[in-house]
PDB file of N, CA and C in Angstrom:
ATOM      1  N   MET A   1      24.407   2.561 -35.674  1.00  0.00           N
ATOM      2  CA  MET A   1      24.142   3.043 -34.337  1.00  0.00           C
ATOM      3  C   MET A   1      23.179   4.214 -34.451  1.00  0.00           C
ATOM      4  N   GLN A   2      22.342   4.354 -33.452  1.00  0.00           N
ATOM      5  CA  GLN A   2      21.363   5.444 -33.480  1.00  0.00           C
ATOM      6  C   GLN A   2      21.762   6.532 -32.486  1.00  0.00           C
ATOM      7  N   VAL A   3      21.670   7.786 -32.952  1.00  0.00           N
ATOM      8  CA  VAL A   3      21.874   8.954 -32.107  1.00  0.00           C
ATOM      9  C   VAL A   3      20.662   9.860 -32.281  1.00  0.00           C
ATOM     10  N   ILE A   4      20.546  10.826 -31.409  1.00  0.00           N
ATOM     11  CA  ILE A   4      19.454  11.797 -31.483  1.00  0.00           C
ATOM     12  C   ILE A   4      20.069  13.160 -31.799  1.00  0.00           C
ATOM     13  N   ILE A   5      19.595  13.792 -32.873  1.00  0.00           N
ATOM     14  CA  ILE A   5      20.074  15.128 -33.235  1.00  0.00           C
ATOM     15  C   ILE A   5      18.874  16.064 -33.218  1.00  0.00           C
ATOM     16  N   ASN A   6      18.922  17.046 -32.328  1.00  0.00           N
ATOM     17  CA  ASN A   6      17.810  17.996 -32.159  1.00  0.00           C
ATOM     18  C   ASN A   6      16.470  17.268 -32.072  1.00  0.00           C
ATOM     19  N   GLN A   7      16.452  16.233 -31.239  1.00  0.00           N
ATOM     20  CA  GLN A   7      15.258  15.463 -30.896  1.00  0.00           C
ATOM     21  C   GLN A   7      14.736  14.586 -32.031  1.00  0.00           C
ATOM     22  N   HIS A   8      15.574  14.322 -33.057  1.00  0.00           N
ATOM     23  CA  HIS A   8      15.204  13.434 -34.154  1.00  0.00           C
ATOM     24  C   HIS A   8      16.226  12.292 -34.237  1.00  0.00           C
ATOM     25  N   PRO A   9      15.761  11.056 -34.373  1.00  0.00           N
ATOM     26  CA  PRO A   9      16.695   9.932 -34.465  1.00  0.00           C
ATOM     27  C   PRO A   9      17.424   9.913 -35.813  1.00  0.00           C
ATOM     28  N   PHE A  10      18.706   9.589 -35.757  1.00  0.00           N
ATOM     29  CA  PHE A  10      19.529   9.442 -36.958  1.00  0.00           C
ATOM     30  C   PHE A  10      20.313   8.149 -36.836  1.00  0.00           C
ATOM     31  N   GLU A  11      20.414   7.428 -37.921  1.00  0.00           N
ATOM     32  CA  GLU A  11      21.191   6.193 -37.966  1.00  0.00           C
ATOM     33  C   GLU A  11      22.553   6.499 -38.580  1.00  0.00           C
ATOM     34  N   LEU A  12      23.617   6.173 -37.837  1.00  0.00           N
ATOM     35  CA  LEU A  12      24.983   6.402 -38.290  1.00  0.00           C
ATOM     36  C   LEU A  12      25.761   5.095 -38.238  1.00  0.00           C
ATOM     37  N   LEU A  13      26.851   5.035 -38.985  1.00  0.00           N
ATOM     38  CA  LEU A  13      27.721   3.868 -38.927  1.00  0.00           C
ATOM     39  C   LEU A  13      28.425   3.809 -37.573  1.00  0.00           C
ATOM     40  N   PRO A  14      28.697   2.620 -37.057  1.00  0.00           N
ATOM     41  CA  PRO A  14      29.463   2.515 -35.808  1.00  0.00           C
ATOM     42  C   PRO A  14      30.800   3.230 -35.958  1.00  0.00           C
ATOM     43  N   GLY A  15      31.239   3.912 -34.910  1.00  0.00           N
ATOM     44  CA  GLY A  15      32.494   4.640 -34.941  1.00  0.00           C
ATOM     45  C   GLY A  15      32.394   6.013 -35.578  1.00  0.00           C
ATOM     46  N   ALA A  16      31.168   6.479 -35.833  1.00  0.00           N
ATOM     47  CA  ALA A  16      30.976   7.789 -36.460  1.00  0.00           C
ATOM     48  C   ALA A  16      31.419   8.903 -35.516  1.00  0.00           C
ATOM     49  N   SER A  17      31.898   9.975 -36.119  1.00  0.00           N
ATOM     50  CA  SER A  17      32.323  11.145 -35.349  1.00  0.00           C
ATOM     51  C   SER A  17      31.210  12.187 -35.331  1.00  0.00           C
ATOM     52  N   LEU A  18      31.410  13.192 -34.509  1.00  0.00           N
ATOM     53  CA  LEU A  18      30.459  14.304 -34.480  1.00  0.00           C
ATOM     54  C   LEU A  18      30.407  14.966 -35.855  1.00  0.00           C
ATOM     55  N   ALA A  19      31.534  15.078 -36.541  1.00  0.00           N
ATOM     56  CA  ALA A  19      31.556  15.658 -37.893  1.00  0.00           C
ATOM     57  C   ALA A  19      30.675  14.845 -38.836  1.00  0.00           C
ATOM     58  N   ASN A  20      30.722  13.504 -38.744  1.00  0.00           N
ATOM     59  CA  ASN A  20      29.871  12.651 -39.574  1.00  0.00           C
ATOM     60  C   ASN A  20      28.399  12.901 -39.286  1.00  0.00           C
ATOM     61  N   ALA A  21      28.059  13.040 -38.012  1.00  0.00           N
ATOM     62  CA  ALA A  21      26.669  13.267 -37.626  1.00  0.00           C
ATOM     63  C   ALA A  21      26.167  14.609 -38.149  1.00  0.00           C
ATOM     64  N   LEU A  22      27.002  15.628 -38.042  1.00  0.00           N
ATOM     65  CA  LEU A  22      26.601  16.961 -38.504  1.00  0.00           C
ATOM     66  C   LEU A  22      26.429  16.983 -40.015  1.00  0.00           C
ATOM     67  N   GLU A  23      27.240  16.209 -40.722  1.00  0.00           N
ATOM     68  CA  GLU A  23      27.089  16.093 -42.172  1.00  0.00           C
ATOM     69  C   GLU A  23      25.773  15.395 -42.508  1.00  0.00           C
ATOM     70  N   ALA A  24      25.450  14.326 -41.796  1.00  0.00           N
ATOM     71  CA  ALA A  24      24.189  13.612 -42.022  1.00  0.00           C
ATOM     72  C   ALA A  24      22.988  14.506 -41.726  1.00  0.00           C
ATOM     73  N   TYR A  25      23.132  15.350 -40.744  1.00  0.00           N
ATOM     74  CA  TYR A  25      22.061  16.281 -40.357  1.00  0.00           C
ATOM     75  C   TYR A  25      21.970  17.466 -41.318  1.00  0.00           C
ATOM     76  N   ALA A  26      23.013  17.682 -42.112  1.00  0.00           N
ATOM     77  CA  ALA A  26      23.102  18.805 -43.060  1.00  0.00           C
ATOM     78  C   ALA A  26      23.096  20.145 -42.319  1.00  0.00           C
ATOM     79  N   ALA A  27      23.881  20.219 -41.252  1.00  0.00           N
ATOM     80  CA  ALA A  27      23.996  21.467 -40.486  1.00  0.00           C
ATOM     81  C   ALA A  27      24.689  22.532 -41.333  1.00  0.00           C
ATOM     82  N   HIS A  28      24.174  23.746 -41.277  1.00  0.00           N
ATOM     83  CA  HIS A  28      24.746  24.864 -42.022  1.00  0.00           C
ATOM     84  C   HIS A  28      25.322  25.889 -41.050  1.00  0.00           C
ATOM     85  N   ALA A  29      26.555  26.326 -41.325  1.00  0.00           N
ATOM     86  CA  ALA A  29      27.222  27.317 -40.480  1.00  0.00           C
ATOM     87  C   ALA A  29      26.480  28.643 -40.551  1.00  0.00           C
ATOM     88  N   PRO A  30      26.507  29.410 -39.497  1.00  0.00           N
ATOM     89  CA  PRO A  30      27.201  29.169 -38.237  1.00  0.00           C
ATOM     90  C   PRO A  30      26.332  28.356 -37.277  1.00  0.00           C
ATOM     91  N   PHE A  31      26.976  27.500 -36.504  1.00  0.00           N
ATOM     92  CA  PHE A  31      26.280  26.730 -35.486  1.00  0.00           C
ATOM     93  C   PHE A  31      27.296  26.268 -34.447  1.00  0.00           C
ATOM     94  N   ALA A  32      26.783  25.827 -33.322  1.00  0.00           N
ATOM     95  CA  ALA A  32      27.589  25.182 -32.292  1.00  0.00           C
ATOM     96  C   ALA A  32      26.933  23.835 -32.014  1.00  0.00           C
ATOM     97  N   ALA A  33      27.714  22.885 -31.531  1.00  0.00           N
ATOM     98  CA  ALA A  33      27.178  21.556 -31.265  1.00  0.00           C
ATOM     99  C   ALA A  33      27.564  21.098 -29.864  1.00  0.00           C
ATOM    100  N   ALA A  34      26.619  20.420 -29.232  1.00  0.00           N
ATOM    101  CA  ALA A  34      26.853  19.839 -27.910  1.00  0.00           C
ATOM    102  C   ALA A  34      26.476  18.362 -27.964  1.00  0.00           C
ATOM    103  N   VAL A  35      27.230  17.538 -27.256  1.00  0.00           N
ATOM    104  CA  VAL A  35      26.933  16.111 -27.147  1.00  0.00           C
ATOM    105  C   VAL A  35      26.617  15.829 -25.692  1.00  0.00           C
ATOM    106  N   ASN A  36      25.410  15.334 -25.461  1.00  0.00           N
ATOM    107  CA  ASN A  36      24.954  15.047 -24.097  1.00  0.00           C
ATOM    108  C   ASN A  36      25.106  16.248 -23.180  1.00  0.00           C
ATOM    109  N   GLY A  37      24.801  17.433 -23.729  1.00  0.00           N
ATOM    110  CA  GLY A  37      24.795  18.658 -22.943  1.00  0.00           C
ATOM    111  C   GLY A  37      26.141  19.345 -22.790  1.00  0.00           C
ATOM    112  N   VAL A  38      27.197  18.805 -23.391  1.00  0.00           N
ATOM    113  CA  VAL A  38      28.533  19.385 -23.284  1.00  0.00           C
ATOM    114  C   VAL A  38      28.958  19.898 -24.662  1.00  0.00           C
ATOM    115  N   PHE A  39      29.214  21.201 -24.756  1.00  0.00           N
ATOM    116  CA  PHE A  39      29.623  21.767 -26.041  1.00  0.00           C
ATOM    117  C   PHE A  39      30.990  21.233 -26.441  1.00  0.00           C
ATOM    118  N   VAL A  40      31.138  21.007 -27.747  1.00  0.00           N
ATOM    119  CA  VAL A  40      32.379  20.484 -28.319  1.00  0.00           C
ATOM    120  C   VAL A  40      32.954  21.562 -29.234  1.00  0.00           C
ATOM    121  N   ALA A  41      34.250  21.841 -29.108  1.00  0.00           N
ATOM    122  CA  ALA A  41      34.902  22.833 -29.967  1.00  0.00           C
ATOM    123  C   ALA A  41      34.874  22.349 -31.412  1.00  0.00           C
ATOM    124  N   GLN A  42      34.664  23.262 -32.327  1.00  0.00           N
ATOM    125  CA  GLN A  42      34.553  22.915 -33.746  1.00  0.00           C
ATOM    126  C   GLN A  42      35.772  22.130 -34.229  1.00  0.00           C
ATOM    127  N   ARG A  43      36.947  22.479 -33.764  1.00  0.00           N
ATOM    128  CA  ARG A  43      38.161  21.785 -34.199  1.00  0.00           C
ATOM    129  C   ARG A  43      38.167  20.316 -33.765  1.00  0.00           C
ATOM    130  N   ASP A  44      37.342  19.972 -32.761  1.00  0.00           N
ATOM    131  CA  ASP A  44      37.308  18.603 -32.244  1.00  0.00           C
ATOM    132  C   ASP A  44      36.214  17.736 -32.867  1.00  0.00           C
ATOM    133  N   TYR A  45      35.379  18.290 -33.726  1.00  0.00           N
ATOM    134  CA  TYR A  45      34.280  17.521 -34.322  1.00  0.00           C
ATOM    135  C   TYR A  45      34.767  16.224 -34.987  1.00  0.00           C
ATOM    136  N   PRO A  46      35.839  16.259 -35.808  1.00  0.00           N
ATOM    137  CA  PRO A  46      36.258  15.022 -36.478  1.00  0.00           C
ATOM    138  C   PRO A  46      36.774  13.937 -35.522  1.00  0.00           C
ATOM    139  N   GLN A  47      37.346  14.324 -34.380  1.00  0.00           N
ATOM    140  CA  GLN A  47      37.910  13.356 -33.443  1.00  0.00           C
ATOM    141  C   GLN A  47      36.935  12.928 -32.358  1.00  0.00           C
ATOM    142  N   HIS A  48      35.812  13.641 -32.243  1.00  0.00           N
ATOM    143  CA  HIS A  48      34.860  13.330 -31.173  1.00  0.00           C
ATOM    144  C   HIS A  48      33.975  12.164 -31.624  1.00  0.00           C
ATOM    145  N   LEU A  49      34.296  10.958 -31.143  1.00  0.00           N
ATOM    146  CA  LEU A  49      33.552   9.772 -31.542  1.00  0.00           C
ATOM    147  C   LEU A  49      32.265   9.655 -30.727  1.00  0.00           C
ATOM    148  N   LEU A  50      31.226   9.225 -31.408  1.00  0.00           N
ATOM    149  CA  LEU A  50      29.908   9.112 -30.782  1.00  0.00           C
ATOM    150  C   LEU A  50      29.647   7.690 -30.326  1.00  0.00           C
ATOM    151  N   LYS A  51      28.710   7.564 -29.383  1.00  0.00           N
ATOM    152  CA  LYS A  51      28.280   6.271 -28.881  1.00  0.00           C
ATOM    153  C   LYS A  51      26.781   6.129 -29.114  1.00  0.00           C
ATOM    154  N   GLU A  52      26.324   4.906 -29.143  1.00  0.00           N
ATOM    155  CA  GLU A  52      24.907   4.606 -29.281  1.00  0.00           C
ATOM    156  C   GLU A  52      24.101   5.414 -28.279  1.00  0.00           C
ATOM    157  N   GLY A  53      23.073   6.109 -28.768  1.00  0.00           N
ATOM    158  CA  GLY A  53      22.180   6.845 -27.895  1.00  0.00           C
ATOM    159  C   GLY A  53      22.616   8.252 -27.538  1.00  0.00           C
ATOM    160  N   ASP A  54      23.784   8.694 -28.031  1.00  0.00           N
ATOM    161  CA  ASP A  54      24.212  10.061 -27.739  1.00  0.00           C
ATOM    162  C   ASP A  54      23.169  11.062 -28.231  1.00  0.00           C
ATOM    163  N   CYS A  55      23.009  12.141 -27.473  1.00  0.00           N
ATOM    164  CA  CYS A  55      22.089  13.219 -27.844  1.00  0.00           C
ATOM    165  C   CYS A  55      22.918  14.427 -28.271  1.00  0.00           C
ATOM    166  N   ILE A  56      22.684  14.874 -29.490  1.00  0.00           N
ATOM    167  CA  ILE A  56      23.428  15.991 -30.069  1.00  0.00           C
ATOM    168  C   ILE A  56      22.485  17.158 -30.230  1.00  0.00           C
ATOM    169  N   ASP A  57      22.904  18.308 -29.767  1.00  0.00           N
ATOM    170  CA  ASP A  57      22.136  19.547 -29.966  1.00  0.00           C
ATOM    171  C   ASP A  57      22.930  20.433 -30.906  1.00  0.00           C
ATOM    172  N   VAL A  58      22.277  20.879 -31.973  1.00  0.00           N
ATOM    173  CA  VAL A  58      22.879  21.806 -32.921  1.00  0.00           C
ATOM    174  C   VAL A  58      22.131  23.120 -32.754  1.00  0.00           C
ATOM    175  N   VAL A  59      22.851  24.151 -32.359  1.00  0.00           N
ATOM    176  CA  VAL A  59      22.211  25.450 -32.111  1.00  0.00           C
ATOM    177  C   VAL A  59      22.825  26.502 -33.012  1.00  0.00           C
ATOM    178  N   GLN A  60      21.959  27.381 -33.507  1.00  0.00           N
ATOM    179  CA  GLN A  60      22.402  28.473 -34.364  1.00  0.00           C
ATOM    180  C   GLN A  60      22.109  29.785 -33.674  1.00  0.00           C
ATOM    181  N   PRO A  61      22.983  30.784 -33.901  1.00  0.00           N
ATOM    182  CA  PRO A  61      22.744  32.069 -33.273  1.00  0.00           C
ATOM    183  C   PRO A  61      21.454  32.709 -33.792  1.00  0.00           C
ATOM    184  N   VAL A  62      20.812  33.450 -32.922  1.00  0.00           N
ATOM    185  CA  VAL A  62      19.583  34.156 -33.282  1.00  0.00           C
ATOM    186  C   VAL A  62      19.861  35.650 -33.206  1.00  0.00           C
ATOM    187  N   MET A  63      19.575  36.337 -34.287  1.00  0.00           N
ATOM    188  CA  MET A  63      19.769  37.783 -34.330  1.00  0.00           C
ATOM    189  C   MET A  63      18.467  38.452 -33.947  1.00  0.00           C
ATOM    190  N   GLY A  64      18.571  39.585 -33.337  1.00  0.00           N
ATOM    191  CA  GLY A  64      17.344  40.291 -32.986  1.00  0.00           C
ATOM    192  C   GLY A  64      17.648  41.441 -32.041  1.00  0.00           C
ATOM    193  N   GLY A  65      16.609  42.111 -31.675  1.00  0.00           N
ATOM    194  CA  GLY A  65      16.846  43.241 -30.794  1.00  0.00           C
ATOM    195  C   GLY A  65      15.649  43.556 -29.962  1.00  0.00           C
TER     196      GLY A  65
END
């Protein structure tokens, strides 16, 4: 199944979770993730199953002043 992570297509196995997608993307902490514009709690990543065409945004905090 294909999903979009930060505007790049990724191919995942059917039934993949958000945790699987983040591993494929090689996301490094700290970050937050949203699926189709809705943020998902980190504790829910393994149970949050993805569907074909889901759009995932991985955002990292920006430090500055």
